[in-house]
Amino acid sequence: MLIVRRLKEGRSPFSADRNHIHHILQDAGFGPTRAAVHLAWVSLLLGFTAAWLKRMQVPPPLLLLAFGLLCVGWYWLTARRERAVAFFRRLRRAPACPESRRAALPEAE
């Protein structure tokens, strides 16, 4: 997606910038290790999902469509860097479960 965006902007596809996913995650408040761990988990999740869908004999055109939709979604999210950083900042701050949300709230008297 970076290459597509750079070409659309009239820049070299090899030009440097801070629009890589790890830079966006770090700007959203993830440390380098936490960003890498989250990227690894997402990669594993997507890989296992694709393998499971293949095993369930989902037709390849549907898999290609799903991949295309993921690409379009990522392109839309990162088309405005501020939107991507804000999205990941919200994810970083989201509690893991409702119980932790209640524990974080002060009790009413």
C-alpha atoms as a PDB file:
ATOM      1  CA  MET A   1       0.000   0.000   0.000  1.00  0.00           C
ATOM      2  CA  LEU A   2       2.935   2.312   0.648  1.00  0.00           C
ATOM      3  CA  ILE A   3       4.189   1.870  -2.900  1.00  0.00           C
ATOM      4  CA  VAL A   4       0.724   2.585  -4.319  1.00  0.00           C
ATOM      5  CA  ARG A   5       0.394   5.693  -2.145  1.00  0.00           C
ATOM      6  CA  ARG A   6       3.874   6.976  -3.050  1.00  0.00           C
ATOM      7  CA  LEU A   7       3.272   6.469  -6.773  1.00  0.00           C
ATOM      8  CA  LYS A   8      -0.105   8.231  -6.472  1.00  0.00           C
ATOM      9  CA  GLU A   9       1.679  11.175  -4.810  1.00  0.00           C
ATOM     10  CA  GLY A  10       4.252  11.248  -7.620  1.00  0.00           C
ATOM     11  CA  ARG A  11       7.093  10.100  -5.359  1.00  0.00           C
ATOM     12  CA  SER A  12       9.577   7.314  -5.823  1.00  0.00           C
ATOM     13  CA  PRO A  13       8.296   4.013  -4.415  1.00  0.00           C
ATOM     14  CA  PHE A  14      11.670   3.731  -2.674  1.00  0.00           C
ATOM     15  CA  SER A  15      11.535   7.102  -0.898  1.00  0.00           C
ATOM     16  CA  ALA A  16      11.745   7.019   2.878  1.00  0.00           C
ATOM     17  CA  ASP A  17       8.975   8.166   5.191  1.00  0.00           C
ATOM     18  CA  ARG A  18       7.343   7.311   8.520  1.00  0.00           C
ATOM     19  CA  ASN A  19       4.219   5.720   7.072  1.00  0.00           C
ATOM     20  CA  HIS A  20       5.201   2.122   7.779  1.00  0.00           C
ATOM     21  CA  ILE A  21       2.906   0.331  10.188  1.00  0.00           C
ATOM     22  CA  HIS A  22       5.557   0.085  12.907  1.00  0.00           C
ATOM     23  CA  HIS A  23       6.080   3.867  12.798  1.00  0.00           C
ATOM     24  CA  ILE A  24       2.333   4.452  13.014  1.00  0.00           C
ATOM     25  CA  LEU A  25       2.078   2.093  16.002  1.00  0.00           C
ATOM     26  CA  GLN A  26       4.990   3.798  17.743  1.00  0.00           C
ATOM     27  CA  ASP A  27       3.442   7.220  17.158  1.00  0.00           C
ATOM     28  CA  ALA A  28       0.221   5.843  18.688  1.00  0.00           C
ATOM     29  CA  GLY A  29       2.130   5.035  21.885  1.00  0.00           C
ATOM     30  CA  PHE A  30       3.232   1.445  21.341  1.00  0.00           C
ATOM     31  CA  GLY A  31       6.851   0.778  22.221  1.00  0.00           C
ATOM     32  CA  PRO A  32       9.048  -0.987  19.637  1.00  0.00           C
ATOM     33  CA  THR A  33       8.709  -4.393  21.317  1.00  0.00           C
ATOM     34  CA  ARG A  34       4.967  -4.077  21.878  1.00  0.00           C
ATOM     35  CA  ALA A  35       4.471  -2.974  18.253  1.00  0.00           C
ATOM     36  CA  ALA A  36       6.461  -5.970  17.008  1.00  0.00           C
ATOM     37  CA  VAL A  37       4.522  -8.391  19.225  1.00  0.00           C
ATOM     38  CA  HIS A  38       1.178  -7.008  18.041  1.00  0.00           C
ATOM     39  CA  LEU A  39       2.263  -7.199  14.399  1.00  0.00           C
ATOM     40  CA  ALA A  40       3.345 -10.815  14.926  1.00  0.00           C
ATOM     41  CA  TRP A  41      -0.038 -11.695  16.504  1.00  0.00           C
ATOM     42  CA  VAL A  42      -1.988 -10.046  13.696  1.00  0.00           C
ATOM     43  CA  SER A  43       0.156 -11.855  11.105  1.00  0.00           C
ATOM     44  CA  LEU A  44      -0.410 -15.185  12.829  1.00  0.00           C
ATOM     45  CA  LEU A  45      -4.143 -14.551  13.144  1.00  0.00           C
ATOM     46  CA  LEU A  46      -4.493 -13.636   9.470  1.00  0.00           C
ATOM     47  CA  GLY A  47      -2.311 -16.559   8.391  1.00  0.00           C
ATOM     48  CA  PHE A  48      -4.234 -19.106  10.462  1.00  0.00           C
ATOM     49  CA  THR A  49      -7.526 -17.631   9.264  1.00  0.00           C
ATOM     50  CA  ALA A  50      -6.435 -17.940   5.634  1.00  0.00           C
ATOM     51  CA  ALA A  51      -5.265 -21.531   6.209  1.00  0.00           C
ATOM     52  CA  TRP A  52      -8.547 -22.407   7.939  1.00  0.00           C
ATOM     53  CA  LEU A  53     -10.581 -20.858   5.107  1.00  0.00           C
ATOM     54  CA  LYS A  54      -8.526 -22.860   2.581  1.00  0.00           C
ATOM     55  CA  ARG A  55      -9.143 -26.014   4.604  1.00  0.00           C
ATOM     56  CA  MET A  56     -12.872 -25.224   4.614  1.00  0.00           C
ATOM     57  CA  GLN A  57     -12.568 -25.128   0.805  1.00  0.00           C
ATOM     58  CA  VAL A  58     -13.602 -21.503   0.445  1.00  0.00           C
ATOM     59  CA  PRO A  59     -13.292 -20.731  -3.282  1.00  0.00           C
ATOM     60  CA  PRO A  60     -10.104 -18.859  -4.208  1.00  0.00           C
ATOM     61  CA  PRO A  61     -12.033 -15.913  -5.733  1.00  0.00           C
ATOM     62  CA  LEU A  62     -13.642 -15.300  -2.329  1.00  0.00           C
ATOM     63  CA  LEU A  63     -10.241 -15.440  -0.639  1.00  0.00           C
ATOM     64  CA  LEU A  64      -8.937 -12.944  -3.184  1.00  0.00           C
ATOM     65  CA  LEU A  65     -11.943 -10.710  -2.543  1.00  0.00           C
ATOM     66  CA  ALA A  66     -11.314 -10.852   1.217  1.00  0.00           C
ATOM     67  CA  PHE A  67      -7.659  -9.960   0.656  1.00  0.00           C
ATOM     68  CA  GLY A  68      -8.671  -7.072  -1.595  1.00  0.00           C
ATOM     69  CA  LEU A  69     -11.114  -5.777   1.024  1.00  0.00           C
ATOM     70  CA  LEU A  70      -8.392  -5.915   3.682  1.00  0.00           C
ATOM     71  CA  CYS A  71      -6.089  -3.940   1.379  1.00  0.00           C
ATOM     72  CA  VAL A  72      -8.767  -1.339   0.625  1.00  0.00           C
ATOM     73  CA  GLY A  73      -9.557  -1.024   4.332  1.00  0.00           C
ATOM     74  CA  TRP A  74      -5.891  -0.573   5.206  1.00  0.00           C
ATOM     75  CA  TYR A  75      -5.454   1.974   2.414  1.00  0.00           C
ATOM     76  CA  TRP A  76      -8.468   3.941   3.663  1.00  0.00           C
ATOM     77  CA  LEU A  77      -7.282   3.821   7.293  1.00  0.00           C
ATOM     78  CA  THR A  78      -3.769   4.963   6.461  1.00  0.00           C
ATOM     79  CA  ALA A  79      -4.701   7.477   3.740  1.00  0.00           C
ATOM     80  CA  ARG A  80      -4.768  10.031   6.548  1.00  0.00           C
ATOM     81  CA  ARG A  81      -1.935   9.321   8.942  1.00  0.00           C
ATOM     82  CA  GLU A  82      -3.698  11.136  11.787  1.00  0.00           C
ATOM     83  CA  ARG A  83      -6.690   8.787  11.432  1.00  0.00           C
ATOM     84  CA  ALA A  84      -4.458   5.700  11.619  1.00  0.00           C
ATOM     85  CA  VAL A  85      -2.551   6.987  14.658  1.00  0.00           C
ATOM     86  CA  ALA A  86      -5.836   7.889  16.408  1.00  0.00           C
ATOM     87  CA  PHE A  87      -7.290   4.440  15.588  1.00  0.00           C
ATOM     88  CA  PHE A  88      -4.310   2.589  17.053  1.00  0.00           C
ATOM     89  CA  ARG A  89      -4.155   4.958  20.037  1.00  0.00           C
ATOM     90  CA  ARG A  90      -7.783   4.039  20.833  1.00  0.00           C
ATOM     91  CA  LEU A  91      -6.949   0.332  20.491  1.00  0.00           C
ATOM     92  CA  ARG A  92      -3.984   0.717  22.810  1.00  0.00           C
ATOM     93  CA  ARG A  93      -6.141   2.294  25.497  1.00  0.00           C
ATOM     94  CA  ALA A  94      -9.111  -0.066  25.126  1.00  0.00           C
ATOM     95  CA  PRO A  95      -9.542  -2.340  28.155  1.00  0.00           C
ATOM     96  CA  ALA A  96      -9.155  -6.043  27.503  1.00  0.00           C
ATOM     97  CA  CYS A  97     -12.511  -6.978  29.026  1.00  0.00           C
ATOM     98  CA  PRO A  98     -15.555  -5.292  30.634  1.00  0.00           C
ATOM     99  CA  GLU A  99     -14.396  -6.327  34.128  1.00  0.00           C
ATOM    100  CA  SER A 100     -11.180  -4.337  33.751  1.00  0.00           C
ATOM    101  CA  ARG A 101     -13.230  -1.345  32.579  1.00  0.00           C
ATOM    102  CA  ARG A 102     -15.333  -1.505  35.742  1.00  0.00           C
ATOM    103  CA  ALA A 103     -12.230  -1.887  37.895  1.00  0.00           C
ATOM    104  CA  ALA A 104     -10.740   1.242  36.306  1.00  0.00           C
ATOM    105  CA  LEU A 105     -13.826   3.357  37.105  1.00  0.00           C
ATOM    106  CA  PRO A 106     -14.123   4.987  40.526  1.00  0.00           C
ATOM    107  CA  GLU A 107     -16.987   3.604  42.574  1.00  0.00           C
ATOM    108  CA  ALA A 108     -20.041   5.776  43.097  1.00  0.00           C
ATOM    109  CA  GLU A 109     -20.920   6.521  46.698  1.00  0.00           C
END
